N, C-alpha and C. Protein backbone atom coordinates (compact mmCIF):
# COMPACT_ATOMS: atom_id res chain seq x y z
N MET A 1 13.17 34.71 4.81
CA MET A 1 12.91 33.98 3.58
C MET A 1 12.35 32.48 3.92
N LYS A 2 12.96 31.95 4.85
CA LYS A 2 12.66 30.57 5.36
C LYS A 2 11.16 30.62 5.94
N ARG A 3 10.68 31.54 6.51
CA ARG A 3 9.31 31.77 6.79
C ARG A 3 8.40 31.86 5.69
N ARG A 4 8.82 32.54 4.59
CA ARG A 4 7.91 32.63 3.41
C ARG A 4 7.92 31.41 2.85
N VAL A 5 9.03 30.63 2.64
CA VAL A 5 8.99 29.40 1.99
C VAL A 5 8.08 28.39 2.86
N PHE A 6 8.27 28.31 4.13
CA PHE A 6 7.48 27.48 4.90
C PHE A 6 5.92 27.93 4.91
N GLY A 7 5.66 29.26 4.82
CA GLY A 7 4.33 29.54 4.57
C GLY A 7 3.73 29.12 3.31
N ILE A 8 4.43 29.32 2.24
CA ILE A 8 3.90 28.65 0.90
C ILE A 8 3.86 27.22 0.90
N ALA A 9 4.67 26.49 1.56
CA ALA A 9 4.57 25.13 1.55
C ALA A 9 3.49 24.64 2.41
N THR A 10 3.03 25.46 3.55
CA THR A 10 2.06 25.21 4.26
C THR A 10 0.68 25.25 3.66
N VAL A 11 0.53 26.54 2.81
CA VAL A 11 -0.68 26.58 2.00
C VAL A 11 -0.84 25.53 1.01
N PHE A 12 0.13 25.24 0.22
CA PHE A 12 0.22 24.19 -0.67
C PHE A 12 -0.25 22.79 -0.09
N SER A 13 0.39 22.49 1.08
CA SER A 13 -0.02 21.25 1.74
C SER A 13 -1.15 21.40 2.29
N GLY A 14 -1.87 22.37 2.66
CA GLY A 14 -3.13 22.49 3.18
C GLY A 14 -4.08 22.23 2.08
N ALA A 15 -3.91 22.79 0.82
CA ALA A 15 -4.85 22.63 -0.10
C ALA A 15 -4.82 21.08 -0.47
N LEU A 16 -3.80 20.55 -0.58
CA LEU A 16 -3.56 19.05 -0.97
C LEU A 16 -4.23 18.23 0.12
N LEU A 17 -4.13 18.68 1.28
CA LEU A 17 -4.94 17.93 2.42
C LEU A 17 -6.31 17.93 2.33
N GLY A 18 -6.85 19.28 1.87
CA GLY A 18 -8.37 19.47 1.66
C GLY A 18 -8.70 18.57 0.47
N ILE A 19 -7.88 18.57 -0.61
CA ILE A 19 -8.32 17.66 -1.71
C ILE A 19 -8.44 16.23 -1.32
N THR A 20 -7.37 15.63 -0.38
CA THR A 20 -7.32 14.29 0.14
C THR A 20 -8.68 13.99 0.94
N VAL A 21 -9.08 15.02 1.62
CA VAL A 21 -10.26 14.83 2.55
C VAL A 21 -11.50 14.66 1.64
N LEU A 22 -11.58 15.51 0.68
CA LEU A 22 -12.48 15.47 -0.34
C LEU A 22 -12.74 14.03 -1.08
N LEU A 23 -11.61 13.52 -1.33
CA LEU A 23 -11.41 12.22 -2.04
C LEU A 23 -11.95 11.07 -0.99
N TRP A 24 -11.68 11.30 0.22
CA TRP A 24 -12.10 10.33 1.31
C TRP A 24 -13.68 10.33 1.16
N PHE A 25 -14.37 11.54 1.08
CA PHE A 25 -15.84 11.59 1.08
C PHE A 25 -16.31 11.00 -0.07
N ALA A 26 -15.57 11.29 -1.21
CA ALA A 26 -16.10 10.75 -2.49
C ALA A 26 -15.96 9.24 -2.74
N GLY A 27 -14.90 8.61 -1.94
CA GLY A 27 -14.97 7.16 -1.88
C GLY A 27 -16.01 6.47 -1.44
N VAL A 28 -16.83 7.17 -0.67
CA VAL A 28 -18.08 6.46 0.00
C VAL A 28 -19.10 6.28 -1.15
N TRP A 29 -19.15 7.25 -2.14
CA TRP A 29 -20.30 7.20 -3.12
C TRP A 29 -19.65 6.59 -4.50
N LEU A 30 -18.33 6.62 -4.62
CA LEU A 30 -17.91 6.42 -5.93
C LEU A 30 -17.09 5.13 -5.95
N ASN A 31 -17.07 4.33 -7.05
CA ASN A 31 -16.20 3.10 -7.05
C ASN A 31 -15.44 3.12 -8.41
N PRO A 32 -14.43 2.64 -8.35
CA PRO A 32 -13.45 2.68 -9.65
C PRO A 32 -13.84 1.96 -10.80
N TRP A 33 -14.71 1.14 -10.67
CA TRP A 33 -15.19 0.24 -11.76
C TRP A 33 -16.37 1.32 -12.67
N ASP A 34 -17.13 2.12 -11.97
CA ASP A 34 -18.07 2.95 -12.80
C ASP A 34 -17.57 4.42 -12.85
N HIS A 35 -16.68 4.83 -11.92
CA HIS A 35 -16.23 6.29 -11.85
C HIS A 35 -14.79 6.41 -11.76
N HIS A 36 -14.17 6.73 -12.70
CA HIS A 36 -12.62 7.03 -12.74
C HIS A 36 -12.13 8.05 -13.58
N LEU A 37 -11.06 8.47 -13.61
CA LEU A 37 -10.45 9.41 -14.52
C LEU A 37 -9.45 8.62 -15.47
N SER A 38 -9.66 8.77 -16.68
CA SER A 38 -8.78 8.06 -17.64
C SER A 38 -7.65 9.09 -18.12
N VAL A 39 -6.49 8.72 -17.69
CA VAL A 39 -5.35 9.79 -17.88
C VAL A 39 -4.78 9.26 -19.40
N SER A 40 -4.85 7.89 -19.61
CA SER A 40 -4.55 7.60 -21.01
C SER A 40 -5.30 6.30 -21.37
N SER A 41 -5.12 5.52 -22.50
CA SER A 41 -5.93 4.42 -22.81
C SER A 41 -5.59 3.28 -21.81
N ASP A 42 -4.25 3.24 -21.19
CA ASP A 42 -3.91 2.25 -20.34
C ASP A 42 -3.60 2.80 -18.85
N LEU A 43 -4.12 3.87 -18.47
CA LEU A 43 -3.82 4.39 -17.11
C LEU A 43 -5.07 5.09 -16.66
N HIS A 44 -5.71 4.52 -15.53
CA HIS A 44 -7.03 5.02 -15.04
C HIS A 44 -6.79 5.07 -13.53
N ILE A 45 -7.55 6.15 -12.96
CA ILE A 45 -7.38 6.50 -11.60
C ILE A 45 -8.81 6.69 -11.01
N GLY A 46 -8.99 6.09 -9.83
CA GLY A 46 -10.31 5.94 -9.05
C GLY A 46 -10.14 6.03 -7.61
N ILE A 47 -11.21 6.12 -7.03
CA ILE A 47 -11.34 6.19 -5.53
C ILE A 47 -12.17 5.03 -5.06
N TRP A 48 -11.84 4.30 -4.09
CA TRP A 48 -12.75 3.24 -3.59
C TRP A 48 -12.64 3.29 -2.09
N GLY A 49 -13.79 3.52 -1.44
CA GLY A 49 -14.02 3.48 0.00
C GLY A 49 -14.20 2.02 0.50
N ARG A 50 -13.50 1.85 1.65
CA ARG A 50 -13.72 0.56 2.24
C ARG A 50 -13.88 0.81 3.85
N GLY A 51 -15.01 1.10 4.19
CA GLY A 51 -15.06 1.27 5.69
C GLY A 51 -14.68 2.68 6.10
N LEU A 52 -13.68 2.42 7.04
CA LEU A 52 -12.90 3.81 7.51
C LEU A 52 -11.73 4.00 6.62
N ASP A 53 -11.51 3.36 5.66
CA ASP A 53 -10.27 3.57 4.63
C ASP A 53 -10.84 3.83 3.38
N SER A 54 -10.29 4.87 2.55
CA SER A 54 -10.54 4.89 1.23
C SER A 54 -9.22 4.70 0.54
N GLN A 55 -9.21 4.48 -0.75
CA GLN A 55 -8.01 3.90 -1.38
C GLN A 55 -7.94 4.53 -2.78
N LEU A 56 -6.71 5.25 -3.10
CA LEU A 56 -6.53 5.67 -4.61
C LEU A 56 -6.12 4.38 -5.34
N VAL A 57 -6.98 4.21 -6.41
CA VAL A 57 -6.86 3.02 -7.40
C VAL A 57 -6.30 3.49 -8.70
N ILE A 58 -5.26 2.91 -8.86
CA ILE A 58 -4.70 3.04 -10.27
C ILE A 58 -4.60 1.61 -11.05
N PHE A 59 -5.03 1.74 -12.17
CA PHE A 59 -5.20 0.42 -12.90
C PHE A 59 -5.16 0.69 -14.43
N ASN A 60 -4.75 -0.36 -15.37
CA ASN A 60 -4.65 -0.21 -16.70
C ASN A 60 -5.80 -0.65 -17.66
N ASP A 61 -6.70 -1.52 -17.28
CA ASP A 61 -7.69 -2.01 -18.15
C ASP A 61 -8.97 -1.20 -17.85
N ASP A 62 -9.50 -0.60 -18.68
CA ASP A 62 -10.70 0.20 -18.49
C ASP A 62 -12.00 -0.70 -18.54
N GLU A 63 -12.17 -1.60 -19.38
CA GLU A 63 -13.13 -2.59 -19.48
C GLU A 63 -13.14 -3.48 -18.25
N TYR A 64 -12.07 -3.91 -17.85
CA TYR A 64 -12.16 -4.90 -16.80
C TYR A 64 -12.16 -4.37 -15.27
N GLY A 65 -11.56 -3.04 -15.24
CA GLY A 65 -11.58 -2.34 -14.08
C GLY A 65 -10.35 -2.86 -13.06
N PRO A 66 -10.37 -2.34 -11.87
CA PRO A 66 -9.10 -2.81 -11.06
C PRO A 66 -9.46 -4.32 -10.72
N TYR A 67 -8.35 -5.06 -10.66
CA TYR A 67 -8.37 -6.30 -10.10
C TYR A 67 -8.33 -6.45 -8.60
N ARG A 68 -9.34 -7.31 -8.07
CA ARG A 68 -9.57 -7.45 -6.59
C ARG A 68 -9.80 -8.93 -6.18
N GLY A 69 -9.14 -9.72 -6.90
CA GLY A 69 -9.00 -11.21 -6.48
C GLY A 69 -10.01 -12.16 -7.21
N SER A 70 -10.51 -11.76 -8.30
CA SER A 70 -11.42 -12.63 -9.01
C SER A 70 -10.72 -13.58 -9.83
N ILE A 71 -11.54 -14.49 -10.50
CA ILE A 71 -10.87 -15.56 -11.30
C ILE A 71 -10.55 -14.88 -12.57
N ILE A 72 -9.38 -14.99 -13.11
CA ILE A 72 -8.99 -14.34 -14.35
C ILE A 72 -8.78 -15.49 -15.56
N SER A 73 -8.67 -16.76 -15.08
CA SER A 73 -8.52 -17.58 -16.19
C SER A 73 -8.79 -19.00 -15.48
N VAL A 74 -9.26 -19.96 -16.34
CA VAL A 74 -9.58 -21.43 -15.98
C VAL A 74 -8.89 -22.32 -16.94
N SER A 75 -8.20 -23.15 -16.69
CA SER A 75 -7.65 -24.13 -17.59
C SER A 75 -8.08 -25.58 -17.16
N GLY A 76 -8.48 -26.49 -18.21
CA GLY A 76 -8.83 -27.77 -17.76
C GLY A 76 -7.74 -28.61 -18.07
N GLY A 77 -8.17 -30.00 -18.00
CA GLY A 77 -7.03 -31.05 -18.25
C GLY A 77 -6.52 -31.07 -19.71
N GLU A 78 -7.39 -30.75 -20.59
CA GLU A 78 -6.94 -30.75 -22.04
C GLU A 78 -6.30 -29.49 -22.49
N PRO A 79 -5.39 -29.68 -23.42
CA PRO A 79 -4.91 -28.43 -24.02
C PRO A 79 -5.97 -27.64 -24.75
N ASP A 80 -5.68 -26.35 -24.45
CA ASP A 80 -6.90 -25.59 -25.13
C ASP A 80 -6.04 -24.40 -25.85
N ASP A 81 -6.79 -23.64 -26.60
CA ASP A 81 -6.21 -22.58 -27.44
C ASP A 81 -5.91 -21.27 -26.53
N LYS A 82 -6.45 -21.37 -25.32
CA LYS A 82 -6.29 -19.96 -24.60
C LYS A 82 -4.84 -19.90 -24.06
N PRO A 83 -4.53 -18.50 -24.14
CA PRO A 83 -3.01 -18.31 -23.75
C PRO A 83 -2.88 -18.45 -22.36
N ARG A 84 -1.69 -19.00 -21.97
CA ARG A 84 -1.32 -19.28 -20.59
C ARG A 84 -0.71 -18.05 -19.92
N LEU A 85 -0.90 -18.07 -18.67
CA LEU A 85 -0.28 -16.88 -17.95
C LEU A 85 1.25 -16.96 -17.97
N GLU A 86 1.80 -15.92 -18.38
CA GLU A 86 3.40 -15.93 -18.41
C GLU A 86 3.99 -15.32 -17.12
N HIS A 87 3.44 -14.35 -16.46
CA HIS A 87 4.09 -13.71 -15.30
C HIS A 87 3.11 -13.23 -14.30
N GLU A 88 3.28 -13.27 -13.18
CA GLU A 88 2.55 -12.91 -12.13
C GLU A 88 3.32 -12.30 -10.96
N VAL A 89 3.04 -11.08 -10.44
CA VAL A 89 3.57 -10.46 -9.38
C VAL A 89 2.36 -9.90 -8.24
N SER A 90 2.60 -10.13 -7.16
CA SER A 90 1.48 -9.62 -6.23
C SER A 90 2.14 -9.18 -4.91
N PHE A 91 1.43 -8.35 -4.39
CA PHE A 91 1.83 -7.63 -3.01
C PHE A 91 0.64 -7.16 -2.34
N GLY A 92 0.41 -7.58 -1.17
CA GLY A 92 -0.58 -6.90 -0.28
C GLY A 92 -1.93 -7.77 -0.15
N ASP A 93 -2.71 -7.24 0.25
CA ASP A 93 -3.25 -6.09 0.78
C ASP A 93 -2.56 -6.03 2.45
N THR A 94 -1.37 -5.36 2.30
CA THR A 94 -0.52 -5.14 3.48
C THR A 94 -0.14 -3.66 3.68
N TRP A 95 -0.44 -3.17 4.93
CA TRP A 95 -0.13 -1.73 5.22
C TRP A 95 -0.66 -0.85 4.37
N GLY A 96 -2.03 -1.10 3.79
CA GLY A 96 -2.49 -0.03 3.03
C GLY A 96 -2.21 -0.18 1.50
N ILE A 97 -1.34 -0.90 1.10
CA ILE A 97 -0.91 -1.06 -0.25
C ILE A 97 -1.19 -2.56 -0.99
N TYR A 98 -1.77 -2.45 -2.15
CA TYR A 98 -2.13 -3.54 -2.69
C TYR A 98 -1.70 -3.51 -4.22
N TYR A 99 -1.05 -4.53 -4.71
CA TYR A 99 -0.70 -4.51 -6.03
C TYR A 99 -0.64 -5.86 -6.73
N ARG A 100 -1.26 -6.08 -7.93
CA ARG A 100 -1.26 -7.27 -8.76
C ARG A 100 -0.96 -6.93 -10.22
N PHE A 101 -0.16 -7.80 -10.72
CA PHE A 101 0.38 -7.81 -12.03
C PHE A 101 0.33 -9.01 -12.89
N PHE A 102 -0.37 -9.17 -13.89
CA PHE A 102 -0.45 -10.37 -14.71
C PHE A 102 -0.20 -10.11 -16.06
N ARG A 103 0.63 -11.05 -16.73
CA ARG A 103 0.90 -10.77 -18.23
C ARG A 103 0.61 -12.11 -18.89
N TRP A 104 -0.07 -11.94 -20.07
CA TRP A 104 -0.22 -13.15 -20.94
C TRP A 104 0.56 -12.77 -22.14
N PRO A 105 0.64 -13.50 -23.16
CA PRO A 105 1.41 -13.26 -24.37
C PRO A 105 0.71 -12.03 -25.15
N ASP A 106 -0.66 -11.88 -25.02
CA ASP A 106 -1.32 -10.83 -25.68
C ASP A 106 -1.97 -9.70 -24.93
N ALA A 107 -1.78 -9.78 -23.55
CA ALA A 107 -2.51 -8.83 -22.61
C ALA A 107 -1.71 -8.67 -21.30
N THR A 108 -2.05 -7.56 -20.70
CA THR A 108 -1.56 -7.24 -19.30
C THR A 108 -2.52 -6.71 -18.52
N LEU A 109 -2.53 -7.02 -17.13
CA LEU A 109 -3.55 -6.55 -16.44
C LEU A 109 -2.73 -6.19 -14.95
N TRP A 110 -3.09 -5.07 -14.45
CA TRP A 110 -2.28 -4.65 -13.23
C TRP A 110 -3.22 -3.68 -12.63
N THR A 111 -3.12 -3.67 -11.23
CA THR A 111 -3.79 -2.88 -10.23
C THR A 111 -2.97 -2.45 -9.12
N LEU A 112 -2.95 -1.10 -8.76
CA LEU A 112 -2.17 -0.67 -7.55
C LEU A 112 -3.11 0.19 -6.79
N MET A 113 -3.26 -0.08 -5.60
CA MET A 113 -4.21 0.58 -4.61
C MET A 113 -3.24 0.86 -3.28
N VAL A 114 -3.45 2.39 -3.00
CA VAL A 114 -2.81 2.92 -1.96
C VAL A 114 -3.76 3.70 -0.97
N SER A 115 -3.72 3.30 0.23
CA SER A 115 -4.48 3.88 1.33
C SER A 115 -4.33 5.38 1.13
N LEU A 116 -5.54 6.06 1.48
CA LEU A 116 -5.38 7.64 1.58
C LEU A 116 -4.98 8.13 2.91
N TRP A 117 -4.70 7.13 3.87
CA TRP A 117 -3.99 7.56 5.13
C TRP A 117 -2.63 8.02 4.79
N TYR A 118 -1.85 7.50 3.60
CA TYR A 118 -0.54 8.05 3.32
C TYR A 118 -0.50 9.65 2.82
N PRO A 119 -1.39 9.82 1.80
CA PRO A 119 -1.42 11.32 1.64
C PRO A 119 -1.84 12.20 2.74
N THR A 120 -2.72 11.57 3.40
CA THR A 120 -3.36 12.48 4.42
C THR A 120 -2.19 12.82 5.71
N ALA A 121 -1.52 11.79 5.90
CA ALA A 121 -0.40 12.08 6.94
C ALA A 121 0.70 13.08 6.31
N LEU A 122 0.89 12.80 5.02
CA LEU A 122 1.97 13.65 4.41
C LEU A 122 1.65 15.07 4.22
N PHE A 123 0.49 15.31 3.69
CA PHE A 123 -0.04 16.64 3.56
C PHE A 123 -0.43 17.33 4.93
N GLY A 124 -0.73 16.44 5.83
CA GLY A 124 -1.17 17.08 7.18
C GLY A 124 -0.11 17.54 8.02
N ALA A 125 1.23 17.16 7.82
CA ALA A 125 2.23 17.26 8.49
C ALA A 125 2.65 18.70 8.66
N CYS A 126 2.87 19.57 7.61
CA CYS A 126 3.20 20.93 7.47
C CYS A 126 2.19 21.63 8.05
N PRO A 127 0.91 21.54 7.85
CA PRO A 127 -0.23 22.42 8.56
C PRO A 127 -0.18 22.07 10.09
N ILE A 128 0.10 21.03 10.52
CA ILE A 128 0.13 20.84 11.91
C ILE A 128 1.38 21.37 12.63
N VAL A 129 2.38 21.23 12.07
CA VAL A 129 3.69 21.87 12.43
C VAL A 129 3.46 23.53 12.60
N TRP A 130 2.83 24.00 11.51
CA TRP A 130 2.51 25.52 11.41
C TRP A 130 1.75 25.92 12.45
N GLY A 131 0.63 25.12 12.93
CA GLY A 131 -0.30 25.43 13.96
C GLY A 131 0.32 25.39 15.25
N VAL A 132 1.13 24.21 15.46
CA VAL A 132 1.81 24.26 16.78
C VAL A 132 2.72 25.32 17.00
N CYS A 133 3.39 25.83 15.99
CA CYS A 133 4.35 26.75 15.96
C CYS A 133 3.54 28.26 16.30
N ARG A 134 2.46 28.40 15.64
CA ARG A 134 1.63 29.55 16.10
C ARG A 134 1.05 29.63 17.46
N LEU A 135 0.76 28.37 17.89
CA LEU A 135 0.29 28.31 19.13
C LEU A 135 1.30 28.65 20.28
N PHE A 136 2.44 28.10 20.11
CA PHE A 136 3.63 28.58 21.03
C PHE A 136 4.08 29.93 20.87
N ARG A 137 4.07 30.55 19.69
CA ARG A 137 4.43 31.97 19.57
C ARG A 137 3.35 32.80 20.13
N HIS A 138 2.06 32.29 20.26
CA HIS A 138 0.93 33.23 20.93
C HIS A 138 0.92 33.08 22.42
N ALA A 139 1.59 31.93 22.90
CA ALA A 139 1.41 31.59 24.29
C ALA A 139 2.55 32.33 24.98
N ASP A 140 3.56 32.84 24.18
CA ASP A 140 4.63 33.42 24.93
C ASP A 140 4.37 34.79 25.26
């Protein structure tokens, strides 16, 4: 029973690893500003290649796209009628994770990027263990 469960987990993990590798290649040609999957009106998913790293990009604003450090508001010395930024949270780009969250009285903008190295390692572990076990089983 354990071998059957491990075999099914290996096939499932291998399939997800294959999809992840395809996403690595897709990241070379696609960018999340022009090509993304819209899950809902405020949840969009894309892939962005950056050299040897591709990232899974999740963001909320389809028109603006994922935030990557651009100027989002400018205020002068005089009071103006533009809403002020209420809340900002940021993390990264550290260890392959990048997160930005901005909230104004009438809008919210957030972006989460995660390196595809994480799912590659996660989905690759089970097939590697399976391959090593088969290698040692045949060596005996």
